[in-house]
Amino acid sequence: MNKKLAEIVAGVIPHKMTRNRWRGILRYGVFRALGLKYRLKRNSPPPEHYLAVCAIAKNEGPYFVEWIEWHRRQGVDKFYIYDNESTDGTRELLEPYVHSGLVEYRYWPGRQQQLPAYDDCLERHRLSARWIAFIDLDEFIVPVEDGSIPEFLHRFEAFPVVEINWLIYGSGGAKTKTAGTMMERFKRHSEPSHYLNRHVKSIVDPRRVFAMIGCHEAARISGHAADSHGNRIRQNFRDREPQQDVIRIQHYAVKSYEEFLGKQARGRARGKGTRTMEYFVRFDLNDIEER
């Protein structure tokens, strides 16, 4: 079923979480979903990787090394990278990682390609990874209480999805790009309780989800999603208070003003318009200076 029809059919369901789940299932296709459940029951070999990350990127070359190296140190052992028509040498920059086997690179052209890329990743790698995190190049998963992301995930083996909240970092007043990594340069972030931090990104068991619902949630085959405290999720993320005390996603949404203008110019893999200055003002949150 195409996305528009799925939206119409799911739209009649009053409960938001149920509606979102069925939106994902309908977009995937009911008969395909039944066939997938049957195939997974018959074929479920041990995964090759414990934790993988899937991302679609468009001209994010200057930020790739920091992002990959950070997540590798936190326990990610595979990256599935979809290149949405980059022209900044992304392919050449990733070549050493591709050669080593850490990165699987796929050129993925077209507009509004984030969900199609996520769908492709799930179909290709359902049996390859125990967990797949779906995040962007300006998002860094930071385990707060655990020594690594896998150490955190070992407590969630019974769940098909773990939803992790944002903590948004602002420009800190920086007008131009300076030397250093993102995590070194930007030390001021929003109030943890800010409503924008209610947004989540998901780490999913690919054998127990049909597809992603937008870029935040997943349509589950079975079981219930968990929050970062290990509680079963009963409300949509927009209706829950954010949690960043166990694990969080540091979201560098704007970086410096100069870098934001570059981000604005290159467009989005999602393909839904450009980021306006209102976006910069909204996400340039600098309430607390990190120690």
Protein backbone atom coordinates (compact mmCIF):
# COMPACT_ATOMS: atom_id res chain seq x y z
CA MET A 1 0.00 0.00 0.00
CA ASN A 2 1.42 3.41 -0.88
CA LYS A 3 2.14 5.99 1.79
CA LYS A 4 -0.80 8.29 1.02
CA LEU A 5 -3.35 5.49 1.17
CA ALA A 6 -1.77 4.14 4.37
CA GLU A 7 -2.14 7.60 5.92
CA ILE A 8 -5.83 7.72 4.99
CA VAL A 9 -6.64 4.24 6.32
CA ALA A 10 -4.59 4.60 9.51
CA GLY A 11 -6.06 8.07 10.08
CA VAL A 12 -9.38 6.60 11.23
CA ILE A 13 -7.71 4.92 14.25
CA PRO A 14 -8.20 7.22 17.27
CA HIS A 15 -5.32 6.01 19.50
CA LYS A 16 -2.11 7.72 18.37
CA MET A 17 0.35 4.88 19.05
CA THR A 18 -1.92 2.26 17.45
CA ARG A 19 -2.48 4.57 14.50
CA ASN A 20 1.25 5.05 14.00
CA ARG A 21 1.95 1.34 14.19
CA TRP A 22 -0.69 0.57 11.59
CA ARG A 23 0.59 3.39 9.42
CA GLY A 24 3.89 1.52 9.23
CA ILE A 25 2.30 -1.89 8.70
CA LEU A 26 0.01 -0.62 5.93
CA ARG A 27 2.87 1.15 4.21
CA TYR A 28 4.84 -2.09 4.34
CA GLY A 29 1.84 -4.07 3.05
CA VAL A 30 -0.37 -6.45 5.01
CA PHE A 31 0.37 -9.51 2.85
CA ARG A 32 4.09 -8.74 2.81
CA ALA A 33 3.93 -8.43 6.59
CA LEU A 34 2.31 -11.86 6.93
CA GLY A 35 4.90 -13.35 4.58
CA LEU A 36 7.73 -11.75 6.54
CA LYS A 37 6.50 -13.19 9.84
CA TYR A 38 6.35 -16.65 8.23
CA ARG A 39 9.87 -16.36 6.75
CA LEU A 40 11.39 -15.19 10.00
CA LYS A 41 9.92 -18.13 11.89
CA ARG A 42 11.52 -20.54 9.42
CA ASN A 43 14.90 -18.81 9.07
CA SER A 44 16.56 -17.03 11.98
CA PRO A 45 20.34 -17.66 12.02
CA PRO A 46 22.62 -15.92 14.54
CA PRO A 47 23.39 -12.33 13.48
CA GLU A 48 26.86 -11.42 12.26
CA HIS A 49 26.84 -8.03 14.03
CA TYR A 50 25.49 -7.08 17.43
CA LEU A 51 24.97 -3.36 16.77
CA ALA A 52 24.78 -1.58 13.42
CA VAL A 53 23.89 1.99 12.49
CA CYS A 54 21.91 2.95 9.38
CA ALA A 55 22.05 6.51 8.05
CA ILE A 56 21.29 8.38 4.85
CA ALA A 57 23.59 11.32 4.16
CA LYS A 58 23.81 14.20 1.71
CA ASN A 59 27.13 16.09 1.58
CA GLU A 60 28.06 15.28 5.18
CA GLY A 61 31.68 14.46 4.31
CA PRO A 62 33.37 16.83 6.80
CA TYR A 63 31.54 15.18 9.71
CA PHE A 64 31.76 11.48 8.83
CA VAL A 65 35.05 10.58 10.50
CA GLU A 66 34.10 12.03 13.89
CA TRP A 67 30.66 10.41 13.73
CA ILE A 68 31.95 6.96 12.73
CA GLU A 69 34.85 6.98 15.18
CA TRP A 70 32.62 8.07 18.06
CA HIS A 71 30.11 5.31 17.47
CA ARG A 72 32.80 2.71 16.85
CA ARG A 73 34.26 3.53 20.27
CA GLN A 74 30.78 3.15 21.76
CA GLY A 75 30.43 -0.39 20.40
CA VAL A 76 28.97 -0.10 16.88
CA ASP A 77 30.51 -2.81 14.69
CA LYS A 78 28.80 -2.07 11.34
CA PHE A 79 27.58 1.02 9.46
CA TYR A 80 25.07 0.93 6.58
CA ILE A 81 25.54 4.24 4.76
CA TYR A 82 23.17 5.46 2.03
CA ASP A 83 24.63 8.31 -0.02
CA ASN A 84 21.90 10.63 -1.32
CA GLU A 85 23.71 12.22 -4.29
CA SER A 86 26.63 13.69 -2.33
CA THR A 87 29.09 15.80 -4.33
CA ASP A 88 31.66 16.46 -1.59
CA GLY A 89 33.83 13.37 -1.88
CA THR A 90 31.83 11.30 0.61
CA ARG A 91 32.51 8.07 -1.32
CA GLU A 92 36.27 8.63 -1.36
CA LEU A 93 36.32 9.62 2.32
CA LEU A 94 34.50 6.42 3.29
CA GLU A 95 36.68 4.17 1.13
CA PRO A 96 39.07 3.09 3.94
CA TYR A 97 36.09 2.13 6.11
CA VAL A 98 34.47 0.27 3.20
CA HIS A 99 37.74 -1.55 2.50
CA SER A 100 38.02 -2.63 6.15
CA GLY A 101 34.45 -3.93 6.17
CA LEU A 102 33.22 -1.49 8.81
CA VAL A 103 31.04 0.45 6.35
CA GLU A 104 28.69 -0.88 3.69
CA TYR A 105 28.21 1.97 1.21
CA ARG A 106 25.27 2.35 -1.15
CA TYR A 107 24.65 5.20 -3.58
CA TRP A 108 20.98 6.15 -3.21
CA PRO A 109 19.76 8.97 -5.49
CA GLY A 110 16.41 10.74 -5.61
CA ARG A 111 14.17 12.98 -3.52
CA GLN A 112 12.41 12.03 -0.29
CA GLN A 113 14.61 8.96 0.10
CA GLN A 114 15.05 8.63 3.86
CA LEU A 115 12.25 6.10 4.41
CA PRO A 116 12.97 4.13 1.22
CA ALA A 117 16.62 3.85 2.35
CA TYR A 118 15.53 2.67 5.80
CA ASP A 119 13.18 0.14 4.21
CA ASP A 120 15.99 -1.17 2.03
CA CYS A 121 18.33 -1.45 5.02
CA LEU A 122 15.82 -3.49 6.99
CA GLU A 123 15.10 -5.82 4.08
CA ARG A 124 18.79 -6.41 3.37
CA HIS A 125 20.01 -6.75 6.93
CA ARG A 126 17.22 -8.28 9.00
CA LEU A 127 19.36 -11.34 9.63
CA SER A 128 22.72 -9.56 9.70
CA ALA A 129 22.45 -7.46 12.86
CA ARG A 130 20.96 -8.00 16.32
CA TRP A 131 20.22 -4.26 16.62
CA ILE A 132 20.12 -1.41 14.09
CA ALA A 133 20.07 2.24 15.17
CA PHE A 134 18.49 4.69 12.72
CA ILE A 135 20.11 8.09 13.24
CA ASP A 136 21.47 11.08 11.29
CA LEU A 137 24.99 12.44 10.90
CA ASP A 138 24.31 15.26 13.38
CA GLU A 139 23.21 12.80 16.08
CA PHE A 140 25.54 11.03 18.51
CA ILE A 141 24.36 8.22 20.78
CA VAL A 142 25.89 8.83 24.22
CA PRO A 143 25.57 6.14 26.91
CA VAL A 144 25.54 7.96 30.25
CA GLU A 145 25.35 5.13 32.80
CA ASP A 146 26.95 2.34 30.74
CA GLY A 147 30.40 1.86 29.28
CA SER A 148 29.06 1.27 25.77
CA ILE A 149 25.84 1.16 23.77
CA PRO A 150 25.84 -2.69 23.65
CA GLU A 151 26.18 -2.76 27.45
CA PHE A 152 23.03 -0.64 27.60
CA LEU A 153 21.21 -2.79 25.02
CA HIS A 154 21.90 -6.09 26.79
CA ARG A 155 19.18 -5.11 29.29
CA PHE A 156 16.63 -4.70 26.46
CA GLU A 157 16.85 -8.05 24.71
CA ALA A 158 13.14 -8.73 25.38
CA PHE A 159 12.04 -5.59 23.51
CA PRO A 160 11.83 -5.09 19.71
CA VAL A 161 12.50 -1.33 19.92
CA VAL A 162 14.25 1.07 22.29
CA GLU A 163 13.41 4.77 21.90
CA ILE A 164 16.10 7.27 22.97
CA ASN A 165 15.51 10.97 23.51
CA TRP A 166 17.35 13.89 21.98
CA LEU A 167 19.38 16.48 23.86
CA ILE A 168 19.70 19.44 21.48
CA TYR A 169 22.96 21.37 21.30
CA GLY A 170 22.98 24.93 19.96
CA SER A 171 25.52 27.07 18.14
CA GLY A 172 26.90 28.59 21.33
CA GLY A 173 26.91 31.87 19.41
CA ALA A 174 29.46 30.61 16.83
CA LYS A 175 29.18 32.44 13.53
CA THR A 176 31.78 30.50 11.53
CA LYS A 177 33.15 26.97 11.38
CA THR A 178 36.34 26.62 13.42
CA ALA A 179 38.83 23.80 13.95
CA GLY A 180 37.85 20.85 16.10
CA THR A 181 35.12 18.23 16.25
CA MET A 182 31.45 18.97 16.77
CA MET A 183 31.55 17.57 20.28
CA GLU A 184 34.54 19.78 21.13
CA ARG A 185 33.15 22.94 19.56
CA PHE A 186 29.58 22.92 20.84
CA LYS A 187 29.18 22.64 24.59
CA ARG A 188 25.91 24.44 25.24
CA HIS A 189 22.63 22.55 25.10
CA SER A 190 18.94 22.98 25.74
CA GLU A 191 17.15 22.48 29.02
CA PRO A 192 16.72 18.69 29.20
CA SER A 193 12.96 19.13 29.66
CA HIS A 194 12.57 21.26 26.50
CA TYR A 195 9.66 20.00 24.42
CA LEU A 196 11.87 19.42 21.36
CA ASN A 197 13.83 16.86 23.39
CA ARG A 198 10.71 14.72 23.48
CA HIS A 199 11.70 13.57 20.00
CA VAL A 200 13.29 10.15 19.90
CA LYS A 201 15.33 7.97 17.61
CA SER A 202 14.96 4.21 17.62
CA ILE A 203 17.30 1.25 17.97
CA VAL A 204 15.41 -1.73 16.59
CA ASP A 205 15.61 -5.50 16.48
CA PRO A 206 15.26 -5.89 12.69
CA ARG A 207 13.66 -9.33 13.07
CA ARG A 208 10.84 -7.86 15.12
CA VAL A 209 9.87 -4.73 13.15
CA PHE A 210 8.24 -4.34 9.74
CA ALA A 211 9.43 -0.85 8.86
CA MET A 212 10.20 2.57 10.27
CA ILE A 213 7.37 5.06 10.85
CA GLY A 214 8.94 8.28 9.70
CA CYS A 215 12.44 8.73 11.07
CA HIS A 216 11.54 8.33 14.75
CA GLU A 217 9.48 5.20 15.46
CA ALA A 218 9.21 1.64 14.17
CA ALA A 219 6.21 -0.52 13.27
CA ARG A 220 6.64 -3.60 15.44
CA ILE A 221 5.95 -7.19 14.41
CA SER A 222 5.57 -8.24 18.04
CA GLY A 223 6.16 -6.99 21.56
CA HIS A 224 6.26 -3.47 22.95
CA ALA A 225 8.73 -0.64 22.56
CA ALA A 226 10.72 0.46 25.63
CA ASP A 227 11.96 3.81 26.83
CA SER A 228 15.54 4.24 28.04
CA HIS A 229 14.52 3.32 31.60
CA GLY A 230 13.24 -0.05 30.44
CA ASN A 231 9.56 0.82 30.78
CA ARG A 232 6.98 -0.32 28.23
CA ILE A 233 5.96 2.69 26.15
CA ARG A 234 2.26 3.50 26.38
CA GLN A 235 2.25 7.05 24.95
CA ASN A 236 3.55 8.63 21.76
CA PHE A 237 6.92 10.31 22.26
CA ARG A 238 5.37 13.77 21.88
CA ASP A 239 3.29 13.09 25.00
CA ARG A 240 6.14 11.88 27.23
CA GLU A 241 8.73 13.74 29.28
CA PRO A 242 12.24 13.25 27.85
CA GLN A 243 14.81 10.99 29.50
CA GLN A 244 18.53 11.64 29.15
CA ASP A 245 19.95 10.26 32.41
CA VAL A 246 20.74 6.71 31.18
CA ILE A 247 21.44 7.29 27.49
CA ARG A 248 20.78 10.16 25.11
CA ILE A 249 21.20 11.33 21.53
CA GLN A 250 23.19 14.55 21.37
CA HIS A 251 21.63 16.39 18.45
CA TYR A 252 23.80 19.06 16.83
CA ALA A 253 20.96 20.43 14.75
CA VAL A 254 22.43 23.77 13.65
CA LYS A 255 26.18 23.89 14.53
CA SER A 256 27.63 27.33 13.65
CA TYR A 257 25.63 29.88 11.65
CA GLU A 258 27.95 29.36 8.67
CA GLU A 259 27.48 25.59 8.80
CA PHE A 260 23.73 25.97 9.09
CA LEU A 261 23.68 28.04 5.90
CA GLY A 262 25.61 25.25 4.18
CA LYS A 263 23.17 22.68 5.52
CA GLN A 264 20.29 24.82 4.28
CA ALA A 265 21.83 25.08 0.79
CA ARG A 266 22.50 21.37 0.26
CA GLY A 267 18.92 20.28 1.00
CA ARG A 268 17.66 17.24 2.86
CA ALA A 269 17.65 13.53 2.10
CA ARG A 270 14.06 13.57 3.40
CA GLY A 271 13.24 15.96 0.57
CA LYS A 272 10.65 17.92 2.56
CA GLY A 273 11.60 21.47 1.73
CA THR A 274 14.57 23.44 3.06
CA ARG A 275 15.43 24.45 6.59
CA THR A 276 14.43 28.06 7.09
CA MET A 277 15.88 30.60 9.51
CA GLU A 278 12.95 29.80 11.76
CA TYR A 279 14.48 26.32 12.09
CA PHE A 280 17.80 27.86 13.17
CA VAL A 281 16.12 30.06 15.79
CA ARG A 282 14.02 27.17 17.05
CA PHE A 283 16.92 24.72 17.44
CA ASP A 284 19.67 27.14 18.51
CA LEU A 285 19.24 26.25 22.17
CA ASN A 286 22.12 27.19 24.49
CA ASP A 287 20.60 27.16 27.97
CA ILE A 288 23.18 25.04 29.80
CA GLU A 289 26.95 24.87 29.39
CA GLU A 290 28.27 21.34 29.56
CA ARG A 291 30.99 20.74 32.14
